[in-house]
C-alpha atoms as a PDB file:
ATOM      1  CA  MET A   1      93.940  78.256  87.123  1.00  0.00           C
ATOM      2  CA  LEU A   2      92.987  81.133  84.966  1.00  0.00           C
ATOM      3  CA  ARG A   3      94.295  84.266  86.251  1.00  0.00           C
ATOM      4  CA  THR A   4      92.344  87.797  85.937  1.00  0.00           C
ATOM      5  CA  ASP A   5      94.949  90.012  87.631  1.00  0.00           C
ATOM      6  CA  ILE A   6      97.799  89.404  85.128  1.00  0.00           C
ATOM      7  CA  PRO A   7     101.188  91.229  86.122  1.00  0.00           C
ATOM      8  CA  GLY A   8     102.531  93.767  83.840  1.00  0.00           C
ATOM      9  CA  ALA A   9     105.349  91.721  82.553  1.00  0.00           C
ATOM     10  CA  TRP A  10     102.946  88.738  81.637  1.00  0.00           C
ATOM     11  CA  ALA A  11     100.908  91.185  79.830  1.00  0.00           C
ATOM     12  CA  ALA A  12     103.711  92.175  77.908  1.00  0.00           C
ATOM     13  CA  ILE A  13     104.519  88.420  77.067  1.00  0.00           C
ATOM     14  CA  ARG A  14     101.127  87.718  76.017  1.00  0.00           C
ATOM     15  CA  ALA A  15     101.049  90.512  73.782  1.00  0.00           C
ATOM     16  CA  ALA A  16     104.136  89.473  71.966  1.00  0.00           C
ATOM     17  CA  LEU A  17     102.989  86.032  71.563  1.00  0.00           C
ATOM     18  CA  GLU A  18      99.749  87.070  70.073  1.00  0.00           C
ATOM     19  CA  ALA A  19     101.576  89.176  67.890  1.00  0.00           C
ATOM     20  CA  GLU A  20     104.153  86.511  66.992  1.00  0.00           C
ATOM     21  CA  LEU A  21     101.763  83.746  66.711  1.00  0.00           C
ATOM     22  CA  GLY A  22      98.815  85.187  65.423  1.00  0.00           C
ATOM     23  CA  GLU A  23      96.420  83.806  68.246  1.00  0.00           C
ATOM     24  CA  ALA A  24      94.822  84.150  71.577  1.00  0.00           C
ATOM     25  CA  ILE A  25      97.519  83.272  74.504  1.00  0.00           C
ATOM     26  CA  SER A  26      96.314  83.223  78.279  1.00  0.00           C
ATOM     27  CA  ILE A  27      98.269  83.639  81.262  1.00  0.00           C
ATOM     28  CA  ASP A  28      97.312  81.182  83.906  1.00  0.00           C
ATOM     29  CA  SER A  29      98.794  80.499  87.539  1.00  0.00           C
ATOM     30  CA  LEU A  30     101.044  77.093  87.583  1.00  0.00           C
ATOM     31  CA  THR A  31     101.811  77.628  91.304  1.00  0.00           C
ATOM     32  CA  ALA A  32     100.936  80.227  93.728  1.00  0.00           C
ATOM     33  CA  THR A  33     103.893  82.358  92.358  1.00  0.00           C
ATOM     34  CA  TRP A  34     104.620  81.019  89.072  1.00  0.00           C
ATOM     35  CA  ASN A  35     102.539  81.247  85.585  1.00  0.00           C
ATOM     36  CA  ILE A  36     102.549  79.961  82.525  1.00  0.00           C
ATOM     37  CA  ALA A  37     101.164  81.164  79.103  1.00  0.00           C
ATOM     38  CA  GLN A  38      98.971  78.878  76.776  1.00  0.00           C
ATOM     39  CA  ARG A  39      97.204  78.838  73.872  1.00  0.00           C
ATOM     40  CA  VAL A  40      93.382  79.386  74.264  1.00  0.00           C
ATOM     41  CA  ALA A  41      92.929  77.149  71.392  1.00  0.00           C
ATOM     42  CA  GLY A  42      95.593  74.817  72.109  1.00  0.00           C
ATOM     43  CA  HIS A  43      96.696  71.753  74.496  1.00  0.00           C
ATOM     44  CA  ARG A  44      96.473  73.220  77.836  1.00  0.00           C
ATOM     45  CA  HIS A  45      97.473  72.407  81.607  1.00  0.00           C
ATOM     46  CA  SER A  46      95.664  69.557  83.270  1.00  0.00           C
ATOM     47  CA  ALA A  47      95.119  67.567  86.298  1.00  0.00           C
ATOM     48  CA  ASP A  48      97.433  65.078  84.640  1.00  0.00           C
ATOM     49  CA  ASP A  49      99.955  67.341  84.763  1.00  0.00           C
ATOM     50  CA  VAL A  50      99.407  68.593  88.581  1.00  0.00           C
ATOM     51  CA  LEU A  51      99.163  64.986  89.950  1.00  0.00           C
ATOM     52  CA  THR A  52     102.082  63.702  87.774  1.00  0.00           C
ATOM     53  CA  ALA A  53     103.973  66.548  89.203  1.00  0.00           C
ATOM     54  CA  ALA A  54     102.942  65.995  93.067  1.00  0.00           C
ATOM     55  CA  TYR A  55     103.489  62.257  92.427  1.00  0.00           C
ATOM     56  CA  ALA A  56     107.232  62.631  91.328  1.00  0.00           C
ATOM     57  CA  VAL A  57     107.863  64.713  94.372  1.00  0.00           C
ATOM     58  CA  GLU A  58     106.193  62.192  96.699  1.00  0.00           C
ATOM     59  CA  ARG A  59     108.154  59.266  95.196  1.00  0.00           C
ATOM     60  CA  ILE A  60     111.691  60.734  95.100  1.00  0.00           C
ATOM     61  CA  ALA A  61     111.048  61.597  98.685  1.00  0.00           C
ATOM     62  CA  ILE A  62     110.139  58.204  99.531  1.00  0.00           C
ATOM     63  CA  ALA A  63     113.166  56.939  97.878  1.00  0.00           C
ATOM     64  CA  VAL A  64     115.516  59.212  99.758  1.00  0.00           C
ATOM     65  CA  ALA A  65     113.693  58.878 103.073  1.00  0.00           C
ATOM     66  CA  VAL A  66     112.575  62.320 103.024  1.00  0.00           C
ATOM     67  CA  VAL A  67     108.485  63.347 103.768  1.00  0.00           C
ATOM     68  CA  PRO A  68     107.370  65.803 101.404  1.00  0.00           C
ATOM     69  CA  ARG A  69     105.696  69.032 102.714  1.00  0.00           C
ATOM     70  CA  ALA A  70     103.980  71.957 101.439  1.00  0.00           C
ATOM     71  CA  GLY A  71     106.029  74.417  99.823  1.00  0.00           C
ATOM     72  CA  PRO A  72     109.902  73.485  98.918  1.00  0.00           C
ATOM     73  CA  VAL A  73     110.632  69.904 100.050  1.00  0.00           C
ATOM     74  CA  ALA A  74     113.106  69.182 103.018  1.00  0.00           C
ATOM     75  CA  ALA A  75     116.590  70.574 102.681  1.00  0.00           C
ATOM     76  CA  CYS A  76     118.077  67.395 102.623  1.00  0.00           C
ATOM     77  CA  LEU A  77     116.238  66.407  99.478  1.00  0.00           C
ATOM     78  CA  ASP A  78     117.502  69.815  97.917  1.00  0.00           C
ATOM     79  CA  ARG A  79     120.892  68.432  98.497  1.00  0.00           C
ATOM     80  CA  VAL A  80     120.270  64.915  97.006  1.00  0.00           C
ATOM     81  CA  LEU A  81     117.959  66.286  94.020  1.00  0.00           C
ATOM     82  CA  ASP A  82     119.943  68.803  92.089  1.00  0.00           C
ATOM     83  CA  ARG A  83     118.521  67.929  88.608  1.00  0.00           C
ATOM     84  CA  VAL A  84     115.236  66.847  87.084  1.00  0.00           C
ATOM     85  CA  LEU A  85     114.781  65.717  83.546  1.00  0.00           C
ATOM     86  CA  ASP A  86     111.483  66.122  82.168  1.00  0.00           C
ATOM     87  CA  LEU A  87     110.388  64.204  78.766  1.00  0.00           C
ATOM     88  CA  GLY A  88     108.293  65.729  76.111  1.00  0.00           C
ATOM     89  CA  THR A  89     107.883  68.652  78.522  1.00  0.00           C
ATOM     90  CA  GLY A  90     105.271  70.391  76.339  1.00  0.00           C
ATOM     91  CA  ILE A  91     104.950  73.882  77.856  1.00  0.00           C
ATOM     92  CA  GLY A  92     106.742  72.989  80.672  1.00  0.00           C
ATOM     93  CA  THR A  93     103.840  72.423  82.881  1.00  0.00           C
ATOM     94  CA  VAL A  94     105.027  69.128  84.859  1.00  0.00           C
ATOM     95  CA  GLY A  95     109.074  70.033  85.067  1.00  0.00           C
ATOM     96  CA  LEU A  96     108.084  73.542  86.396  1.00  0.00           C
ATOM     97  CA  MET A  97     105.548  72.436  89.064  1.00  0.00           C
ATOM     98  CA  VAL A  98     108.239  69.796  90.183  1.00  0.00           C
ATOM     99  CA  LEU A  99     111.366  72.705  90.243  1.00  0.00           C
ATOM    100  CA  SER A 100     108.965  74.832  92.274  1.00  0.00           C
ATOM    101  CA  ARG A 101     108.977  72.279  95.172  1.00  0.00           C
ATOM    102  CA  LEU A 102     112.912  72.053  94.920  1.00  0.00           C
ATOM    103  CA  GLY A 103     115.399  74.276  96.517  1.00  0.00           C
ATOM    104  CA  PRO A 104     117.350  77.271  94.291  1.00  0.00           C
ATOM    105  CA  GLU A 105     120.226  75.120  93.409  1.00  0.00           C
ATOM    106  CA  ALA A 106     118.018  72.282  91.874  1.00  0.00           C
ATOM    107  CA  ARG A 107     118.176  72.510  87.717  1.00  0.00           C
ATOM    108  CA  LEU A 108     115.496  71.006  85.460  1.00  0.00           C
ATOM    109  CA  VAL A 109     116.390  69.995  81.817  1.00  0.00           C
ATOM    110  CA  CYS A 110     113.687  69.575  79.458  1.00  0.00           C
ATOM    111  CA  VAL A 111     113.282  68.148  76.082  1.00  0.00           C
ATOM    112  CA  GLU A 112     110.306  69.076  73.635  1.00  0.00           C
ATOM    113  CA  VAL A 113     109.676  68.414  70.035  1.00  0.00           C
ATOM    114  CA  GLN A 114     107.054  70.754  68.822  1.00  0.00           C
ATOM    115  CA  PRO A 115     108.076  74.000  67.938  1.00  0.00           C
ATOM    116  CA  ILE A 116     105.095  75.821  69.168  1.00  0.00           C
ATOM    117  CA  SER A 117     104.861  74.164  72.782  1.00  0.00           C
ATOM    118  CA  HIS A 118     108.955  74.901  72.658  1.00  0.00           C
ATOM    119  CA  ARG A 119     108.424  78.581  71.916  1.00  0.00           C
ATOM    120  CA  LEU A 120     105.723  78.807  75.023  1.00  0.00           C
ATOM    121  CA  LEU A 121     108.504  76.990  77.194  1.00  0.00           C
ATOM    122  CA  LEU A 122     110.453  79.565  76.523  1.00  0.00           C
ATOM    123  CA  ALA A 123     108.234  82.337  77.126  1.00  0.00           C
ATOM    124  CA  ASN A 124     107.191  80.198  80.363  1.00  0.00           C
ATOM    125  CA  ILE A 125     110.855  80.059  81.442  1.00  0.00           C
ATOM    126  CA  ALA A 126     111.447  83.713  81.015  1.00  0.00           C
ATOM    127  CA  GLY A 127     108.365  84.989  82.352  1.00  0.00           C
ATOM    128  CA  ASN A 128     109.196  82.927  85.659  1.00  0.00           C
ATOM    129  CA  SER A 129     112.882  84.075  85.366  1.00  0.00           C
ATOM    130  CA  LEU A 130     114.038  80.856  85.485  1.00  0.00           C
ATOM    131  CA  ALA A 131     116.662  81.183  82.496  1.00  0.00           C
ATOM    132  CA  GLU A 132     119.538  79.848  85.123  1.00  0.00           C
ATOM    133  CA  ARG A 133     117.857  76.862  86.284  1.00  0.00           C
ATOM    134  CA  VAL A 134     115.848  75.645  83.285  1.00  0.00           C
ATOM    135  CA  GLU A 135     117.546  73.951  80.350  1.00  0.00           C
ATOM    136  CA  PRO A 136     115.312  73.602  77.186  1.00  0.00           C
ATOM    137  CA  HIS A 137     115.958  71.391  74.216  1.00  0.00           C
ATOM    138  CA  LEU A 138     114.108  71.604  70.890  1.00  0.00           C
ATOM    139  CA  GLY A 139     114.434  67.847  69.938  1.00  0.00           C
ATOM    140  CA  ASP A 140     112.884  64.253  69.561  1.00  0.00           C
ATOM    141  CA  LEU A 141     113.293  62.384  72.962  1.00  0.00           C
ATOM    142  CA  ARG A 142     113.794  59.379  70.874  1.00  0.00           C
ATOM    143  CA  GLU A 143     117.366  60.626  69.764  1.00  0.00           C
ATOM    144  CA  LEU A 144     117.877  62.236  73.285  1.00  0.00           C
ATOM    145  CA  ALA A 145     121.708  61.459  74.534  1.00  0.00           C
ATOM    146  CA  LEU A 146     122.730  63.778  77.392  1.00  0.00           C
ATOM    147  CA  ASP A 147     125.998  63.346  79.002  1.00  0.00           C
ATOM    148  CA  ARG A 148     124.282  63.304  82.386  1.00  0.00           C
ATOM    149  CA  ARG A 149     122.150  60.805  84.554  1.00  0.00           C
ATOM    150  CA  PHE A 150     119.068  62.362  86.472  1.00  0.00           C
ATOM    151  CA  PRO A 151     118.040  61.206  90.181  1.00  0.00           C
ATOM    152  CA  LEU A 152     114.242  62.016  88.756  1.00  0.00           C
ATOM    153  CA  ILE A 153     112.988  61.970  85.198  1.00  0.00           C
ATOM    154  CA  THR A 154     109.238  62.737  84.927  1.00  0.00           C
ATOM    155  CA  GLY A 155     107.042  62.284  81.291  1.00  0.00           C
ATOM    156  CA  SER A 156     103.427  62.505  80.145  1.00  0.00           C
ATOM    157  CA  PRO A 157     103.599  60.446  77.202  1.00  0.00           C
ATOM    158  CA  PRO A 158     100.951  60.663  74.648  1.00  0.00           C
ATOM    159  CA  TYR A 159      97.557  58.614  75.364  1.00  0.00           C
ATOM    160  CA  PHE A 160      96.530  57.138  72.075  1.00  0.00           C
ATOM    161  CA  PRO A 161      98.348  55.152  69.355  1.00  0.00           C
ATOM    162  CA  LEU A 162      97.396  56.199  65.775  1.00  0.00           C
ATOM    163  CA  GLY A 163      94.211  54.824  64.294  1.00  0.00           C
ATOM    164  CA  THR A 164      92.419  54.546  67.789  1.00  0.00           C
ATOM    165  CA  GLY A 165      90.440  58.030  67.621  1.00  0.00           C
ATOM    166  CA  MET A 166      90.107  61.017  65.289  1.00  0.00           C
ATOM    167  CA  LEU A 167      93.270  63.277  65.136  1.00  0.00           C
ATOM    168  CA  PRO A 168      92.728  66.782  66.302  1.00  0.00           C
ATOM    169  CA  GLU A 169      92.950  69.416  63.279  1.00  0.00           C
ATOM    170  CA  ASP A 170      95.464  71.102  65.876  1.00  0.00           C
ATOM    171  CA  ALA A 171      98.938  70.123  65.484  1.00  0.00           C
ATOM    172  CA  GLN A 172      99.932  70.737  68.804  1.00  0.00           C
ATOM    173  CA  LYS A 173      96.892  68.878  70.474  1.00  0.00           C
ATOM    174  CA  ALA A 174      97.456  65.837  67.861  1.00  0.00           C
ATOM    175  CA  GLY A 175     101.030  65.720  69.272  1.00  0.00           C
ATOM    176  CA  ALA A 176     100.150  65.826  72.696  1.00  0.00           C
ATOM    177  CA  ARG A 177      97.373  63.127  72.620  1.00  0.00           C
ATOM    178  CA  PHE A 178      98.556  60.643  69.880  1.00  0.00           C
ATOM    179  CA  GLU A 179     101.688  58.724  69.422  1.00  0.00           C
ATOM    180  CA  LEU A 180     102.943  60.779  66.563  1.00  0.00           C
ATOM    181  CA  ARG A 181     106.659  60.966  67.402  1.00  0.00           C
ATOM    182  CA  GLY A 182     107.285  58.200  70.067  1.00  0.00           C
ATOM    183  CA  ASP A 183     104.990  56.122  72.356  1.00  0.00           C
ATOM    184  CA  VAL A 184     105.296  55.165  76.019  1.00  0.00           C
ATOM    185  CA  ALA A 185     107.919  52.629  75.304  1.00  0.00           C
ATOM    186  CA  ASP A 186     110.003  55.534  73.589  1.00  0.00           C
ATOM    187  CA  TYR A 187     109.613  57.159  76.899  1.00  0.00           C
ATOM    188  CA  ALA A 188     110.503  54.532  79.200  1.00  0.00           C
ATOM    189  CA  ARG A 189     113.653  54.132  77.041  1.00  0.00           C
ATOM    190  CA  ALA A 190     114.742  57.430  76.936  1.00  0.00           C
ATOM    191  CA  ALA A 191     114.400  57.307  80.793  1.00  0.00           C
ATOM    192  CA  GLU A 192     116.396  54.440  81.091  1.00  0.00           C
ATOM    193  CA  ARG A 193     119.119  55.854  79.234  1.00  0.00           C
ATOM    194  CA  HIS A 194     119.176  58.932  81.479  1.00  0.00           C
ATOM    195  CA  LEU A 195     118.059  57.536  85.041  1.00  0.00           C
ATOM    196  CA  ALA A 196     120.715  57.431  88.078  1.00  0.00           C
ATOM    197  CA  ASP A 197     121.411  54.135  89.313  1.00  0.00           C
ATOM    198  CA  ASP A 198     119.143  55.228  92.550  1.00  0.00           C
ATOM    199  CA  GLY A 199     117.102  57.335  90.468  1.00  0.00           C
ATOM    200  CA  VAL A 200     113.047  57.460  90.031  1.00  0.00           C
ATOM    201  CA  PHE A 201     111.313  57.701  86.800  1.00  0.00           C
ATOM    202  CA  VAL A 202     107.494  58.862  87.185  1.00  0.00           C
ATOM    203  CA  PHE A 203     104.857  59.325  84.380  1.00  0.00           C
ATOM    204  CA  CYS A 204     101.251  59.323  83.921  1.00  0.00           C
ATOM    205  CA  PHE A 205      99.319  56.905  81.539  1.00  0.00           C
ATOM    206  CA  PRO A 206      95.674  55.989  80.626  1.00  0.00           C
ATOM    207  CA  THR A 207      94.574  53.135  83.140  1.00  0.00           C
ATOM    208  CA  PRO A 208      92.589  51.092  80.479  1.00  0.00           C
ATOM    209  CA  GLN A 209      96.354  50.932  78.999  1.00  0.00           C
ATOM    210  CA  ARG A 210      97.933  49.964  82.104  1.00  0.00           C
ATOM    211  CA  ALA A 211      99.101  46.690  80.967  1.00  0.00           C
ATOM    212  CA  ARG A 212     100.634  48.266  77.968  1.00  0.00           C
ATOM    213  CA  ALA A 213     102.556  50.973  80.540  1.00  0.00           C
ATOM    214  CA  LEU A 214     103.964  48.117  82.503  1.00  0.00           C
ATOM    215  CA  ALA A 215     105.289  46.015  79.209  1.00  0.00           C
ATOM    216  CA  ALA A 216     107.128  49.221  78.523  1.00  0.00           C
ATOM    217  CA  VAL A 217     108.958  49.788  81.304  1.00  0.00           C
ATOM    218  CA  ALA A 218     109.904  46.004  81.376  1.00  0.00           C
ATOM    219  CA  ALA A 219     111.199  46.273  78.021  1.00  0.00           C
ATOM    220  CA  ALA A 220     113.258  49.068  78.921  1.00  0.00           C
ATOM    221  CA  GLY A 221     114.812  47.363  81.541  1.00  0.00           C
ATOM    222  CA  LEU A 222     113.118  49.174  84.230  1.00  0.00           C
ATOM    223  CA  VAL A 223     110.979  48.318  87.136  1.00  0.00           C
ATOM    224  CA  VAL A 224     107.624  49.692  88.585  1.00  0.00           C
ATOM    225  CA  HIS A 225     107.878  49.889  92.140  1.00  0.00           C
ATOM    226  CA  ALA A 226     104.510  51.564  92.543  1.00  0.00           C
ATOM    227  CA  TYR A 227     101.514  52.557  90.674  1.00  0.00           C
ATOM    228  CA  ARG A 228      98.363  54.670  91.766  1.00  0.00           C
ATOM    229  CA  ASP A 229      95.018  55.000  89.845  1.00  0.00           C
ATOM    230  CA  VAL A 230      93.568  58.352  89.499  1.00  0.00           C
ATOM    231  CA  ILE A 231      89.656  58.613  89.482  1.00  0.00           C
ATOM    232  CA  PRO A 232      88.162  61.978  88.290  1.00  0.00           C
ATOM    233  CA  ARG A 233      85.115  61.877  90.283  1.00  0.00           C
ATOM    234  CA  GLU A 234      83.252  59.833  92.722  1.00  0.00           C
ATOM    235  CA  THR A 235      81.412  56.995  91.185  1.00  0.00           C
ATOM    236  CA  LEU A 236      83.575  57.197  87.985  1.00  0.00           C
ATOM    237  CA  ARG A 237      86.095  54.657  86.770  1.00  0.00           C
ATOM    238  CA  PRO A 238      90.118  55.283  87.015  1.00  0.00           C
ATOM    239  CA  LEU A 239      90.706  57.646  83.778  1.00  0.00           C
ATOM    240  CA  PHE A 240      94.674  57.210  84.333  1.00  0.00           C
ATOM    241  CA  THR A 241      97.335  55.916  86.421  1.00  0.00           C
ATOM    242  CA  LEU A 242     100.817  57.470  87.953  1.00  0.00           C
ATOM    243  CA  PHE A 243     103.677  54.802  87.705  1.00  0.00           C
ATOM    244  CA  ALA A 244     107.043  55.215  89.629  1.00  0.00           C
ATOM    245  CA  CYS A 245     109.876  53.133  88.304  1.00  0.00           C
ATOM    246  CA  ARG A 246     113.273  52.311  89.218  1.00  0.00           C
ATOM    247  CA  ARG A 247     116.418  50.199  88.327  1.00  0.00           C
ATOM    248  CA  ALA A 248     116.434  47.975  91.158  1.00  0.00           C
ATOM    249  CA  PRO A 249     113.637  44.985  91.215  1.00  0.00           C
ATOM    250  CA  ALA A 250     111.513  45.221  94.023  1.00  0.00           C
ATOM    251  CA  GLU A 251     107.570  44.061  94.931  1.00  0.00           C
ATOM    252  CA  LEU A 252     104.960  46.078  93.137  1.00  0.00           C
ATOM    253  CA  HIS A 253     103.167  48.396  95.346  1.00  0.00           C
ATOM    254  CA  VAL A 254      99.727  49.236  94.555  1.00  0.00           C
ATOM    255  CA  GLU A 255      98.607  52.320  96.076  1.00  0.00           C
ATOM    256  CA  PRO A 256      95.106  53.268  96.815  1.00  0.00           C
ATOM    257  CA  PRO A 257      93.330  54.958  94.230  1.00  0.00           C
ATOM    258  CA  LEU A 258      93.423  58.939  93.977  1.00  0.00           C
ATOM    259  CA  THR A 259      90.041  60.895  93.529  1.00  0.00           C
ATOM    260  CA  ILE A 260      90.022  64.241  92.713  1.00  0.00           C
ATOM    261  CA  ARG A 261      86.428  65.385  93.043  1.00  0.00           C
ATOM    262  CA  TYR A 262      83.679  64.147  95.285  1.00  0.00           C
ATOM    263  CA  ALA A 263      80.151  63.290  93.638  1.00  0.00           C
ATOM    264  CA  ASP A 264      79.035  66.785  94.238  1.00  0.00           C
ATOM    265  CA  GLY A 265      81.826  68.323  92.251  1.00  0.00           C
ATOM    266  CA  ARG A 266      83.836  69.413  94.974  1.00  0.00           C
ATOM    267  CA  LEU A 267      87.732  68.777  95.193  1.00  0.00           C
ATOM    268  CA  THR A 268      88.704  66.004  97.867  1.00  0.00           C
ATOM    269  CA  ASP A 269      90.352  66.627 100.519  1.00  0.00           C
ATOM    270  CA  GLU A 270      93.489  65.080  99.149  1.00  0.00           C
ATOM    271  CA  MET A 271      93.246  67.110  96.272  1.00  0.00           C
ATOM    272  CA  ILE A 272      93.184  70.188  98.145  1.00  0.00           C
ATOM    273  CA  THR A 273      96.392  69.074 100.031  1.00  0.00           C
ATOM    274  CA  ILE A 274      98.087  68.392  96.778  1.00  0.00           C
ATOM    275  CA  ARG A 275      97.197  71.901  95.165  1.00  0.00           C
ATOM    276  CA  ARG A 276      98.456  73.345  98.827  1.00  0.00           C
ATOM    277  CA  GLY A 277     101.774  71.689  97.956  1.00  0.00           C
ATOM    278  CA  PHE A 278     102.013  74.113  95.086  1.00  0.00           C
ATOM    279  CA  GLY A 279     100.918  77.326  97.167  1.00  0.00           C
ATOM    280  CA  PHE A 280      97.110  77.127  96.408  1.00  0.00           C
ATOM    281  CA  GLU A 281      94.719  77.685  99.260  1.00  0.00           C
ATOM    282  CA  PRO A 282      91.107  76.561  98.925  1.00  0.00           C
ATOM    283  CA  THR A 283      88.725  79.514  97.616  1.00  0.00           C
ATOM    284  CA  GLY A 284      85.448  78.034  98.062  1.00  0.00           C
ATOM    285  CA  ARG A 285      84.756  77.979  94.469  1.00  0.00           C
ATOM    286  CA  GLU A 286      86.559  74.410  93.593  1.00  0.00           C
END
């Protein structure tokens, strides 16, 4: 959500980034209390990020038998979920949104390969005073080998194989959308290496490529426990799917589709509820 009332500290961050990068930067609301700096002409925060983060909180809460609620989740989940790993974190949107729903003791570890996105990630960590809670890594997730396992792992793999569309000229956009440095199978393998025995791996991927995502998860030795298609607007086909994976075998649960907007363009009641979980109240302009 674009901010028009930029706090002084964030105005200074924007000015510094614009001077360093030589391009326009916007400061936008990530949650009701946290902000993010983004390139105006770059890859930007989207509904995919919001719904992946919300689904991750929902599915880990189900895994530990806690019902998620608006704001920080119940105290017992805070004790269980003390660390989160976000793969291909970009500027930090999914990982930070998940972290915002957890208690103050929770920590986020994230890995991003693109220097420009990693630079913005560092700015977003600093701007939200999260240096003690977030551990950023600049590197390739295919080579990630941490000495820890995580009860929750999130990821937003690039959607398109090379050769299936026109590659954007902008390097950040190209890396976020096309499989230049890893694909959904690489994300699944990285998740398998770092997932706790009873952990959950949540990611999103295009619905038309659902079979490819399911195959990638299975090949990595994980099991899709549930998935949910996302419809951008009533009457349209599903655009992407949210997946929840674990180690233990289980019967696949196909959840009813989630619709973002009614046919007239208004946010659906469910989407308003999801946004409320991150502190946003309806404004009448959705």
